[in-house]
């Protein structure tokens, strides 16, 4: 029997001035059903929160990994660029020294 029907039954029994025991049983049944319903809702809410937290954690981790990867790549590119520049400068200084030697002679 669903919740509304139980409520109607309790009201009808009470209005019909049925014996106290029958009304009490109907009320107990109704309250039991209500508590089960609340419990169910609470569990659903808890599961929903867990799922939400899990997805947020996942997204956070993805974002973190992505930013770390980006930073690593930037750093790598920067160091490569510096090394290239250093290598070119070294080559240029070597050439300059050769030119100077040649001019002296």
PDB file of N, CA and C in Angstrom:
ATOM      1  N   UNK A   1       0.850  -1.178   0.000  1.00  0.00           N
ATOM      2  CA  UNK A   1       0.000   0.000   0.000  1.00  0.00           C
ATOM      3  C   UNK A   1       0.899   1.246   0.000  1.00  0.00           C
ATOM      4  N   UNK A   2       0.590   2.182  -0.881  1.00  0.00           N
ATOM      5  CA  UNK A   2       1.444   3.362  -0.940  1.00  0.00           C
ATOM      6  C   UNK A   2       1.114   4.371   0.167  1.00  0.00           C
ATOM      7  N   UNK A   3       1.948   5.356   0.256  1.00  0.00           N
ATOM      8  CA  UNK A   3       1.882   6.331   1.353  1.00  0.00           C
ATOM      9  C   UNK A   3       0.533   7.061   1.434  1.00  0.00           C
ATOM     10  N   UNK A   4       0.053   7.527   0.302  1.00  0.00           N
ATOM     11  CA  UNK A   4      -1.210   8.294   0.291  1.00  0.00           C
ATOM     12  C   UNK A   4      -2.386   7.429   0.751  1.00  0.00           C
ATOM     13  N   UNK A   5      -2.414   6.189   0.241  1.00  0.00           N
ATOM     14  CA  UNK A   5      -3.501   5.287   0.646  1.00  0.00           C
ATOM     15  C   UNK A   5      -3.462   5.023   2.141  1.00  0.00           C
ATOM     16  N   UNK A   6      -2.244   4.880   2.666  1.00  0.00           N
ATOM     17  CA  UNK A   6      -2.109   4.658   4.112  1.00  0.00           C
ATOM     18  C   UNK A   6      -2.629   5.856   4.896  1.00  0.00           C
ATOM     19  N   UNK A   7      -2.269   7.045   4.426  1.00  0.00           N
ATOM     20  CA  UNK A   7      -2.755   8.259   5.090  1.00  0.00           C
ATOM     21  C   UNK A   7      -4.287   8.300   5.073  1.00  0.00           C
ATOM     22  N   UNK A   8      -4.849   8.007   3.918  1.00  0.00           N
ATOM     23  CA  UNK A   8      -6.318   8.013   3.794  1.00  0.00           C
ATOM     24  C   UNK A   8      -6.945   6.980   4.734  1.00  0.00           C
ATOM     25  N   UNK A   9      -6.319   5.807   4.791  1.00  0.00           N
ATOM     26  CA  UNK A   9      -6.840   4.750   5.663  1.00  0.00           C
ATOM     27  C   UNK A   9      -6.825   5.189   7.128  1.00  0.00           C
ATOM     28  N   UNK A  10      -5.725   5.818   7.541  1.00  0.00           N
ATOM     29  CA  UNK A  10      -5.618   6.295   8.927  1.00  0.00           C
ATOM     30  C   UNK A  10      -6.716   7.318   9.213  1.00  0.00           C
ATOM     31  N   UNK A  11      -6.883   8.251   8.285  1.00  0.00           N
ATOM     32  CA  UNK A  11      -7.910   9.291   8.468  1.00  0.00           C
ATOM     33  C   UNK A  11      -9.303   8.666   8.519  1.00  0.00           C
ATOM     34  N   UNK A  12      -9.560   7.733   7.582  1.00  0.00           N
ATOM     35  CA  UNK A  12     -10.875   7.077   7.553  1.00  0.00           C
ATOM     36  C   UNK A  12     -11.143   6.297   8.836  1.00  0.00           C
ATOM     37  N   UNK A  13     -10.143   5.569   9.297  1.00  0.00           N
ATOM     38  CA  UNK A  13     -10.299   4.795  10.525  1.00  0.00           C
ATOM     39  C   UNK A  13     -10.566   5.714  11.719  1.00  0.00           C
ATOM     40  N   UNK A  14      -9.835   6.800  11.736  1.00  0.00           N
ATOM     41  CA  UNK A  14      -9.994   7.738  12.852  1.00  0.00           C
ATOM     42  C   UNK A  14     -11.377   8.384  12.826  1.00  0.00           C
ATOM     43  N   UNK A  15     -11.799   8.766  11.607  1.00  0.00           N
ATOM     44  CA  UNK A  15     -13.115   9.407  11.464  1.00  0.00           C
ATOM     45  C   UNK A  15     -14.246   8.411  11.743  1.00  0.00           C
ATOM     46  N   UNK A  16     -14.039   7.185  11.363  1.00  0.00           N
ATOM     47  CA  UNK A  16     -15.073   6.169  11.555  1.00  0.00           C
ATOM     48  C   UNK A  16     -15.107   5.693  13.005  1.00  0.00           C
ATOM     49  N   UNK A  17     -14.207   6.268  13.768  1.00  0.00           N
ATOM     50  CA  UNK A  17     -14.103   5.922  15.186  1.00  0.00           C
ATOM     51  C   UNK A  17     -13.926   4.417  15.371  1.00  0.00           C
ATOM     52  N   UNK A  18     -12.943   3.890  14.586  1.00  0.00           N
ATOM     53  CA  UNK A  18     -12.622   2.466  14.699  1.00  0.00           C
ATOM     54  C   UNK A  18     -11.929   2.236  16.034  1.00  0.00           C
ATOM     55  N   UNK A  19     -11.762   0.964  16.382  1.00  0.00           N
ATOM     56  CA  UNK A  19     -11.139   0.689  17.675  1.00  0.00           C
ATOM     57  C   UNK A  19      -9.702   1.210  17.688  1.00  0.00           C
ATOM     58  N   UNK A  20      -9.257   1.529  18.853  1.00  0.00           N
ATOM     59  CA  UNK A  20      -7.961   2.172  19.057  1.00  0.00           C
ATOM     60  C   UNK A  20      -6.808   1.340  18.495  1.00  0.00           C
ATOM     61  N   UNK A  21      -6.874   0.055  18.628  1.00  0.00           N
ATOM     62  CA  UNK A  21      -5.799  -0.845  18.184  1.00  0.00           C
ATOM     63  C   UNK A  21      -5.597  -0.783  16.669  1.00  0.00           C
ATOM     64  N   UNK A  22      -6.693  -0.785  15.924  1.00  0.00           N
ATOM     65  CA  UNK A  22      -6.617  -0.737  14.465  1.00  0.00           C
ATOM     66  C   UNK A  22      -6.001   0.581  14.005  1.00  0.00           C
ATOM     67  N   UNK A  23      -6.416   1.667  14.618  1.00  0.00           N
ATOM     68  CA  UNK A  23      -5.873   2.984  14.274  1.00  0.00           C
ATOM     69  C   UNK A  23      -4.378   3.022  14.597  1.00  0.00           C
ATOM     70  N   UNK A  24      -4.001   2.490  15.760  1.00  0.00           N
ATOM     71  CA  UNK A  24      -2.586   2.468  16.163  1.00  0.00           C
ATOM     72  C   UNK A  24      -1.725   1.683  15.159  1.00  0.00           C
ATOM     73  N   UNK A  25      -2.229   0.528  14.737  1.00  0.00           N
ATOM     74  CA  UNK A  25      -1.488  -0.287  13.763  1.00  0.00           C
ATOM     75  C   UNK A  25      -1.295   0.474  12.453  1.00  0.00           C
ATOM     76  N   UNK A  26      -2.331   1.133  12.002  1.00  0.00           N
ATOM     77  CA  UNK A  26      -2.268   1.901  10.758  1.00  0.00           C
ATOM     78  C   UNK A  26      -1.275   3.056  10.900  1.00  0.00           C
ATOM     79  N   UNK A  27      -1.282   3.708  12.045  1.00  0.00           N
ATOM     80  CA  UNK A  27      -0.361   4.826  12.290  1.00  0.00           C
ATOM     81  C   UNK A  27       1.085   4.311  12.323  1.00  0.00           C
ATOM     82  N   UNK A  28       1.290   3.185  12.993  1.00  0.00           N
ATOM     83  CA  UNK A  28       2.640   2.599  13.061  1.00  0.00           C
ATOM     84  C   UNK A  28       3.149   2.235  11.666  1.00  0.00           C
ATOM     85  N   UNK A  29       2.264   1.650  10.894  1.00  0.00           N
ATOM     86  CA  UNK A  29       2.626   1.270   9.522  1.00  0.00           C
ATOM     87  C   UNK A  29       3.017   2.517   8.718  1.00  0.00           C
ATOM     88  N   UNK A  30       2.226   3.567   8.897  1.00  0.00           N
ATOM     89  CA  UNK A  30       2.475   4.822   8.198  1.00  0.00           C
ATOM     90  C   UNK A  30       3.817   5.429   8.626  1.00  0.00           C
ATOM     91  N   UNK A  31       4.066   5.463   9.925  1.00  0.00           N
ATOM     92  CA  UNK A  31       5.318   6.057  10.403  1.00  0.00           C
ATOM     93  C   UNK A  31       6.521   5.218   9.959  1.00  0.00           C
ATOM     94  N   UNK A  32       6.350   3.900   9.933  1.00  0.00           N
ATOM     95  CA  UNK A  32       7.426   3.020   9.480  1.00  0.00           C
ATOM     96  C   UNK A  32       7.747   3.306   8.010  1.00  0.00           C
ATOM     97  N   UNK A  33       6.708   3.453   7.234  1.00  0.00           N
ATOM     98  CA  UNK A  33       6.901   3.740   5.816  1.00  0.00           C
ATOM     99  C   UNK A  33       7.587   5.090   5.621  1.00  0.00           C
ATOM    100  N   UNK A  34       7.176   6.070   6.425  1.00  0.00           N
ATOM    101  CA  UNK A  34       7.792   7.398   6.319  1.00  0.00           C
ATOM    102  C   UNK A  34       9.283   7.343   6.656  1.00  0.00           C
ATOM    103  N   UNK A  35       9.610   6.609   7.707  1.00  0.00           N
ATOM    104  CA  UNK A  35      11.025   6.528   8.098  1.00  0.00           C
ATOM    105  C   UNK A  35      11.843   5.809   7.029  1.00  0.00           C
ATOM    106  N   UNK A  36      11.258   4.774   6.419  1.00  0.00           N
ATOM    107  CA  UNK A  36      11.963   4.073   5.342  1.00  0.00           C
ATOM    108  C   UNK A  36      12.184   5.003   4.148  1.00  0.00           C
ATOM    109  N   UNK A  37      11.168   5.803   3.874  1.00  0.00           N
ATOM    110  CA  UNK A  37      11.259   6.746   2.762  1.00  0.00           C
ATOM    111  C   UNK A  37      12.372   7.766   3.027  1.00  0.00           C
ATOM    112  N   UNK A  38      12.428   8.265   4.261  1.00  0.00           N
ATOM    113  CA  UNK A  38      13.467   9.231   4.625  1.00  0.00           C
ATOM    114  C   UNK A  38      14.850   8.604   4.506  1.00  0.00           C
ATOM    115  N   UNK A  39      14.950   7.373   4.972  1.00  0.00           N
ATOM    116  CA  UNK A  39      16.223   6.650   4.916  1.00  0.00           C
ATOM    117  C   UNK A  39      16.686   6.508   3.471  1.00  0.00           C
ATOM    118  N   UNK A  40      15.744   6.144   2.614  1.00  0.00           N
ATOM    119  CA  UNK A  40      16.037   5.966   1.193  1.00  0.00           C
ATOM    120  C   UNK A  40      16.532   7.283   0.575  1.00  0.00           C
ATOM    121  N   UNK A  41      15.826   8.375   0.910  1.00  0.00           N
ATOM    122  CA  UNK A  41      16.205   9.684   0.381  1.00  0.00           C
ATOM    123  C   UNK A  41      17.602  10.076   0.858  1.00  0.00           C
ATOM    124  N   UNK A  42      17.870   9.789   2.127  1.00  0.00           N
ATOM    125  CA  UNK A  42      19.161  10.115   2.699  1.00  0.00           C
ATOM    126  C   UNK A  42      20.276   9.353   1.983  1.00  0.00           C
ATOM    127  N   UNK A  43      20.030   8.073   1.715  1.00  0.00           N
ATOM    128  CA  UNK A  43      21.013   7.248   1.015  1.00  0.00           C
ATOM    129  C   UNK A  43      21.262   7.773  -0.402  1.00  0.00           C
ATOM    130  N   UNK A  44      20.168   8.149  -1.085  1.00  0.00           N
ATOM    131  CA  UNK A  44      20.299   8.688  -2.442  1.00  0.00           C
ATOM    132  C   UNK A  44      21.146   9.961  -2.423  1.00  0.00           C
ATOM    133  N   UNK A  45      20.864  10.824  -1.440  1.00  0.00           N
ATOM    134  CA  UNK A  45      21.584  12.081  -1.319  1.00  0.00           C
ATOM    135  C   UNK A  45      23.071  11.807  -1.061  1.00  0.00           C
ATOM    136  N   UNK A  46      23.345  10.847  -0.193  1.00  0.00           N
ATOM    137  CA  UNK A  46      24.720  10.488   0.144  1.00  0.00           C
ATOM    138  C   UNK A  46      25.456   9.977  -1.097  1.00  0.00           C
ATOM    139  N   UNK A  47      24.791   9.088  -1.854  1.00  0.00           N
ATOM    140  CA  UNK A  47      25.400   8.553  -3.069  1.00  0.00           C
ATOM    141  C   UNK A  47      25.669   9.658  -4.085  1.00  0.00           C
ATOM    142  N   UNK A  48      24.713  10.572  -4.195  1.00  0.00           N
ATOM    143  CA  UNK A  48      24.855  11.684  -5.127  1.00  0.00           C
ATOM    144  C   UNK A  48      26.067  12.543  -4.748  1.00  0.00           C
ATOM    145  N   UNK A  49      26.214  12.802  -3.446  1.00  0.00           N
ATOM    146  CA  UNK A  49      27.347  13.603  -2.971  1.00  0.00           C
ATOM    147  C   UNK A  49      28.668  12.883  -3.248  1.00  0.00           C
ATOM    148  N   UNK A  50      28.701  11.581  -2.997  1.00  0.00           N
ATOM    149  CA  UNK A  50      29.917  10.808  -3.249  1.00  0.00           C
ATOM    150  C   UNK A  50      30.306  10.892  -4.716  1.00  0.00           C
ATOM    151  N   UNK A  51      29.311  10.712  -5.581  1.00  0.00           N
ATOM    152  CA  UNK A  51      29.557  10.763  -7.022  1.00  0.00           C
ATOM    153  C   UNK A  51      30.079  12.144  -7.422  1.00  0.00           C
ATOM    154  N   UNK A  52      29.459  13.187  -6.873  1.00  0.00           N
ATOM    155  CA  UNK A  52      29.861  14.552  -7.177  1.00  0.00           C
ATOM    156  C   UNK A  52      31.311  14.788  -6.742  1.00  0.00           C
ATOM    157  N   UNK A  53      31.635  14.352  -5.525  1.00  0.00           N
ATOM    158  CA  UNK A  53      32.997  14.528  -5.023  1.00  0.00           C
ATOM    159  C   UNK A  53      34.001  13.766  -5.879  1.00  0.00           C
ATOM    160  N   UNK A  54      33.611  12.558  -6.284  1.00  0.00           N
ATOM    161  CA  UNK A  54      34.492  11.736  -7.104  1.00  0.00           C
ATOM    162  C   UNK A  54      34.788  12.427  -8.444  1.00  0.00           C
ATOM    163  N   UNK A  55      33.731  12.944  -9.079  1.00  0.00           N
ATOM    164  CA  UNK A  55      33.927  13.606 -10.374  1.00  0.00           C
ATOM    165  C   UNK A  55      34.753  14.881 -10.212  1.00  0.00           C
ATOM    166  N   UNK A  56      34.503  15.619  -9.127  1.00  0.00           N
ATOM    167  CA  UNK A  56      35.278  16.841  -8.888  1.00  0.00           C
ATOM    168  C   UNK A  56      36.750  16.505  -8.687  1.00  0.00           C
ATOM    169  N   UNK A  57      37.008  15.449  -7.935  1.00  0.00           N
ATOM    170  CA  UNK A  57      38.382  15.024  -7.684  1.00  0.00           C
ATOM    171  C   UNK A  57      39.066  14.630  -8.995  1.00  0.00           C
ATOM    172  N   UNK A  58      38.320  13.887  -9.818  1.00  0.00           N
ATOM    173  CA  UNK A  58      38.842  13.454 -11.114  1.00  0.00           C
ATOM    174  C   UNK A  58      39.196  14.667 -11.985  1.00  0.00           C
ATOM    175  N   UNK A  59      38.267  15.624 -12.047  1.00  0.00           N
ATOM    176  CA  UNK A  59      38.489  16.816 -12.860  1.00  0.00           C
ATOM    177  C   UNK A  59      39.690  17.609 -12.357  1.00  0.00           C
ATOM    178  N   UNK A  60      39.795  17.708 -11.030  1.00  0.00           N
ATOM    179  CA  UNK A  60      40.897  18.436 -10.423  1.00  0.00           C
ATOM    180  C   UNK A  60      42.229  17.785 -10.797  1.00  0.00           C
ATOM    181  N   UNK A  61      42.260  16.455 -10.712  1.00  0.00           N
ATOM    182  CA  UNK A  61      43.483  15.722 -11.048  1.00  0.00           C
ATOM    183  C   UNK A  61      43.850  15.923 -12.523  1.00  0.00           C
ATOM    184  N   UNK A  62      42.848  15.838 -13.396  1.00  0.00           N
ATOM    185  CA  UNK A  62      43.093  16.037 -14.833  1.00  0.00           C
ATOM    186  C   UNK A  62      43.681  17.426 -15.080  1.00  0.00           C
ATOM    187  N   UNK A  63      43.072  18.430 -14.450  1.00  0.00           N
ATOM    188  CA  UNK A  63      43.516  19.806 -14.620  1.00  0.00           C
ATOM    189  C   UNK A  63      44.956  19.959 -14.123  1.00  0.00           C
ATOM    190  N   UNK A  64      45.226  19.368 -12.968  1.00  0.00           N
ATOM    191  CA  UNK A  64      46.559  19.444 -12.375  1.00  0.00           C
ATOM    192  C   UNK A  64      47.591  18.809 -13.298  1.00  0.00           C
ATOM    193  N   UNK A  65      47.270  17.610 -13.799  1.00  0.00           N
ATOM    194  CA  UNK A  65      48.186  16.916 -14.703  1.00  0.00           C
ATOM    195  C   UNK A  65      48.431  17.733 -15.969  1.00  0.00           C
ATOM    196  N   UNK A  66      47.357  18.309 -16.480  1.00  0.00           N
ATOM    197  CA  UNK A  66      47.453  19.103 -17.706  1.00  0.00           C
ATOM    198  C   UNK A  66      48.373  20.307 -17.489  1.00  0.00           C
ATOM    199  N   UNK A  67      48.177  21.013 -16.378  1.00  0.00           N
ATOM    200  CA  UNK A  67      49.004  22.191 -16.108  1.00  0.00           C
ATOM    201  C   UNK A  67      50.463  21.797 -15.870  1.00  0.00           C
ATOM    202  N   UNK A  68      50.666  20.681 -15.156  1.00  0.00           N
ATOM    203  CA  UNK A  68      52.037  20.217 -14.917  1.00  0.00           C
ATOM    204  C   UNK A  68      52.734  19.876 -16.238  1.00  0.00           C
ATOM    205  N   UNK A  69      51.999  19.207 -17.114  1.00  0.00           N
ATOM    206  CA  UNK A  69      52.549  18.832 -18.420  1.00  0.00           C
ATOM    207  C   UNK A  69      52.913  20.094 -19.217  1.00  0.00           C
ATOM    208  N   UNK A  70      52.006  21.073 -19.178  1.00  0.00           N
ATOM    209  CA  UNK A  70      52.225  22.329 -19.888  1.00  0.00           C
ATOM    210  C   UNK A  70      53.484  23.025 -19.365  1.00  0.00           C
ATOM    211  N   UNK A  71      53.584  23.093 -18.030  1.00  0.00           N
ATOM    212  CA  UNK A  71      54.736  23.762 -17.423  1.00  0.00           C
ATOM    213  C   UNK A  71      56.039  23.043 -17.773  1.00  0.00           C
ATOM    214  N   UNK A  72      55.988  21.723 -17.751  1.00  0.00           N
ATOM    215  CA  UNK A  72      57.159  20.923 -18.083  1.00  0.00           C
ATOM    216  C   UNK A  72      57.607  21.209 -19.517  1.00  0.00           C
ATOM    217  N   UNK A  73      56.628  21.249 -20.427  1.00  0.00           N
ATOM    218  CA  UNK A  73      56.932  21.524 -21.831  1.00  0.00           C
ATOM    219  C   UNK A  73      57.532  22.927 -21.999  1.00  0.00           C
ATOM    220  N   UNK A  74      56.951  23.897 -21.319  1.00  0.00           N
ATOM    221  CA  UNK A  74      57.462  25.270 -21.403  1.00  0.00           C
ATOM    222  C   UNK A  74      58.910  25.329 -20.934  1.00  0.00           C
ATOM    223  N   UNK A  75      59.151  24.680 -19.791  1.00  0.00           N
ATOM    224  CA  UNK A  75      60.491  24.674 -19.218  1.00  0.00           C
ATOM    225  C   UNK A  75      61.479  24.013 -20.180  1.00  0.00           C
ATOM    226  N   UNK A  76      61.073  22.896 -20.746  1.00  0.00           N
ATOM    227  CA  UNK A  76      61.917  22.160 -21.686  1.00  0.00           C
ATOM    228  C   UNK A  76      62.253  23.038 -22.894  1.00  0.00           C
ATOM    229  N   UNK A  77      61.225  23.686 -23.446  1.00  0.00           N
ATOM    230  CA  UNK A  77      61.429  24.544 -24.612  1.00  0.00           C
ATOM    231  C   UNK A  77      62.366  25.710 -24.277  1.00  0.00           C
ATOM    232  N   UNK A  78      62.175  26.268 -23.096  1.00  0.00           N
ATOM    233  CA  UNK A  78      62.990  27.399 -22.673  1.00  0.00           C
ATOM    234  C   UNK A  78      64.461  26.991 -22.553  1.00  0.00           C
ATOM    235  N   UNK A  79      64.677  25.835 -21.902  1.00  0.00           N
ATOM    236  CA  UNK A  79      66.064  25.371 -21.748  1.00  0.00           C
ATOM    237  C   UNK A  79      66.690  25.046 -23.107  1.00  0.00           C
ATOM    238  N   UNK A  80      65.914  24.424 -23.994  1.00  0.00           N
ATOM    239  CA  UNK A  80      66.420  24.118 -25.335  1.00  0.00           C
ATOM    240  C   UNK A  80      66.805  25.396 -26.080  1.00  0.00           C
ATOM    241  N   UNK A  81      65.972  26.408 -25.944  1.00  0.00           N
ATOM    242  CA  UNK A  81      66.226  27.689 -26.608  1.00  0.00           C
ATOM    243  C   UNK A  81      67.503  28.321 -26.063  1.00  0.00           C
ATOM    244  N   UNK A  82      67.642  28.283 -24.742  1.00  0.00           N
ATOM    245  CA  UNK A  82      68.841  28.836 -24.106  1.00  0.00           C
ATOM    246  C   UNK A  82      70.093  28.113 -24.587  1.00  0.00           C
ATOM    247  N   UNK A  83      69.990  26.791 -24.640  1.00  0.00           N
ATOM    248  CA  UNK A  83      71.144  25.999 -25.075  1.00  0.00           C
ATOM    249  C   UNK A  83      71.516  26.321 -26.521  1.00  0.00           C
ATOM    250  N   UNK A  84      70.510  26.482 -27.353  1.00  0.00           N
ATOM    251  CA  UNK A  84      70.744  26.830 -28.755  1.00  0.00           C
ATOM    252  C   UNK A  84      71.473  28.169 -28.859  1.00  0.00           C
ATOM    253  N   UNK A  85      70.956  29.136 -28.095  1.00  0.00           N
ATOM    254  CA  UNK A  85      71.550  30.482 -28.112  1.00  0.00           C
ATOM    255  C   UNK A  85      72.996  30.420 -27.623  1.00  0.00           C
ATOM    256  N   UNK A  86      73.219  29.681 -26.560  1.00  0.00           N
ATOM    257  CA  UNK A  86      74.568  29.535 -26.012  1.00  0.00           C
ATOM    258  C   UNK A  86      75.506  28.926 -27.042  1.00  0.00           C
ATOM    259  N   UNK A  87      75.012  27.888 -27.705  1.00  0.00           N
ATOM    260  CA  UNK A  87      75.814  27.202 -28.720  1.00  0.00           C
ATOM    261  C   UNK A  87      76.177  28.170 -29.851  1.00  0.00           C
ATOM    262  N   UNK A  88      75.203  28.966 -30.296  1.00  0.00           N
ATOM    263  CA  UNK A  88      75.439  29.939 -31.368  1.00  0.00           C
ATOM    264  C   UNK A  88      76.463  30.979 -30.917  1.00  0.00           C
ATOM    265  N   UNK A  89      76.290  31.471 -29.677  1.00  0.00           N
ATOM    266  CA  UNK A  89      77.211  32.479 -29.160  1.00  0.00           C
ATOM    267  C   UNK A  89      78.632  31.921 -29.091  1.00  0.00           C
ATOM    268  N   UNK A  90      78.748  30.705 -28.664  1.00  0.00           N
ATOM    269  CA  UNK A  90      80.053  30.061 -28.564  1.00  0.00           C
ATOM    270  C   UNK A  90      80.699  29.956 -29.951  1.00  0.00           C
ATOM    271  N   UNK A  91      79.896  29.556 -30.908  1.00  0.00           N
ATOM    272  CA  UNK A  91      80.380  29.436 -32.286  1.00  0.00           C
ATOM    273  C   UNK A  91      80.853  30.792 -32.815  1.00  0.00           C
ATOM    274  N   UNK A  92      80.050  31.820 -32.516  1.00  0.00           N
ATOM    275  CA  UNK A  92      80.382  33.173 -32.976  1.00  0.00           C
ATOM    276  C   UNK A  92      81.681  33.632 -32.325  1.00  0.00           C
ATOM    277  N   UNK A  93      81.859  33.395 -31.031  1.00  0.00           N
ATOM    278  CA  UNK A  93      83.096  33.810 -30.362  1.00  0.00           C
ATOM    279  C   UNK A  93      84.308  33.070 -30.929  1.00  0.00           C
ATOM    280  N   UNK A  94      84.135  31.803 -31.227  1.00  0.00           N
ATOM    281  CA  UNK A  94      85.230  31.025 -31.839  1.00  0.00           C
ATOM    282  C   UNK A  94      85.594  31.616 -33.200  1.00  0.00           C
ATOM    283  N   UNK A  95      84.583  31.937 -33.975  1.00  0.00           N
ATOM    284  CA  UNK A  95      84.826  32.544 -35.295  1.00  0.00           C
ATOM    285  C   UNK A  95      85.533  33.891 -35.149  1.00  0.00           C
ATOM    286  N   UNK A  96      85.097  34.684 -34.199  1.00  0.00           N
ATOM    287  CA  UNK A  96      85.704  36.003 -33.958  1.00  0.00           C
ATOM    288  C   UNK A  96      87.181  35.860 -33.596  1.00  0.00           C
ATOM    289  N   UNK A  97      87.486  34.893 -32.767  1.00  0.00           N
ATOM    290  CA  UNK A  97      88.878  34.657 -32.377  1.00  0.00           C
ATOM    291  C   UNK A  97      89.716  34.257 -33.582  1.00  0.00           C
ATOM    292  N   UNK A  98      89.155  33.407 -34.416  1.00  0.00           N
ATOM    293  CA  UNK A  98      89.861  32.980 -35.637  1.00  0.00           C
ATOM    294  C   UNK A  98      90.135  34.178 -36.538  1.00  0.00           C
ATOM    295  N   UNK A  99      89.128  35.025 -36.664  1.00  0.00           N
ATOM    296  CA  UNK A  99      89.262  36.223 -37.509  1.00  0.00           C
ATOM    297  C   UNK A  99      90.348  37.124 -36.941  1.00  0.00           C
ATOM    298  N   UNK A 100      90.343  37.318 -35.645  1.00  0.00           N
ATOM    299  CA  UNK A 100      91.356  38.172 -34.995  1.00  0.00           C
ATOM    300  C   UNK A 100      92.768  37.611 -35.221  1.00  0.00           C
ATOM    301  N   UNK A 101      92.924  36.321 -35.061  1.00  0.00           N
ATOM    302  CA  UNK A 101      94.216  35.678 -35.282  1.00  0.00           C
ATOM    303  C   UNK A 101      94.682  35.880 -36.720  1.00  0.00           C
ATOM    304  N   UNK A 102      93.723  35.721 -37.595  1.00  0.00           N
ATOM    305  CA  UNK A 102      94.033  35.844 -39.024  1.00  0.00           C
ATOM    306  C   UNK A 102      94.486  37.281 -39.363  1.00  0.00           C
ATOM    307  N   UNK A 103      93.793  38.258 -38.730  1.00  0.00           N
ATOM    308  CA  UNK A 103      94.116  39.644 -38.981  1.00  0.00           C
ATOM    309  C   UNK A 103      95.491  40.005 -38.415  1.00  0.00           C
ATOM    310  N   UNK A 104      95.862  39.427 -37.315  1.00  0.00           N
ATOM    311  CA  UNK A 104      97.172  39.687 -36.723  1.00  0.00           C
ATOM    312  C   UNK A 104      98.279  39.200 -37.606  1.00  0.00           C
ATOM    313  N   UNK A 105      98.040  38.077 -38.234  1.00  0.00           N
ATOM    314  CA  UNK A 105      99.069  37.469 -39.088  1.00  0.00           C
ATOM    315  C   UNK A 105      99.110  38.101 -40.433  1.00  0.00           C
TER     316      UNK A 105
END
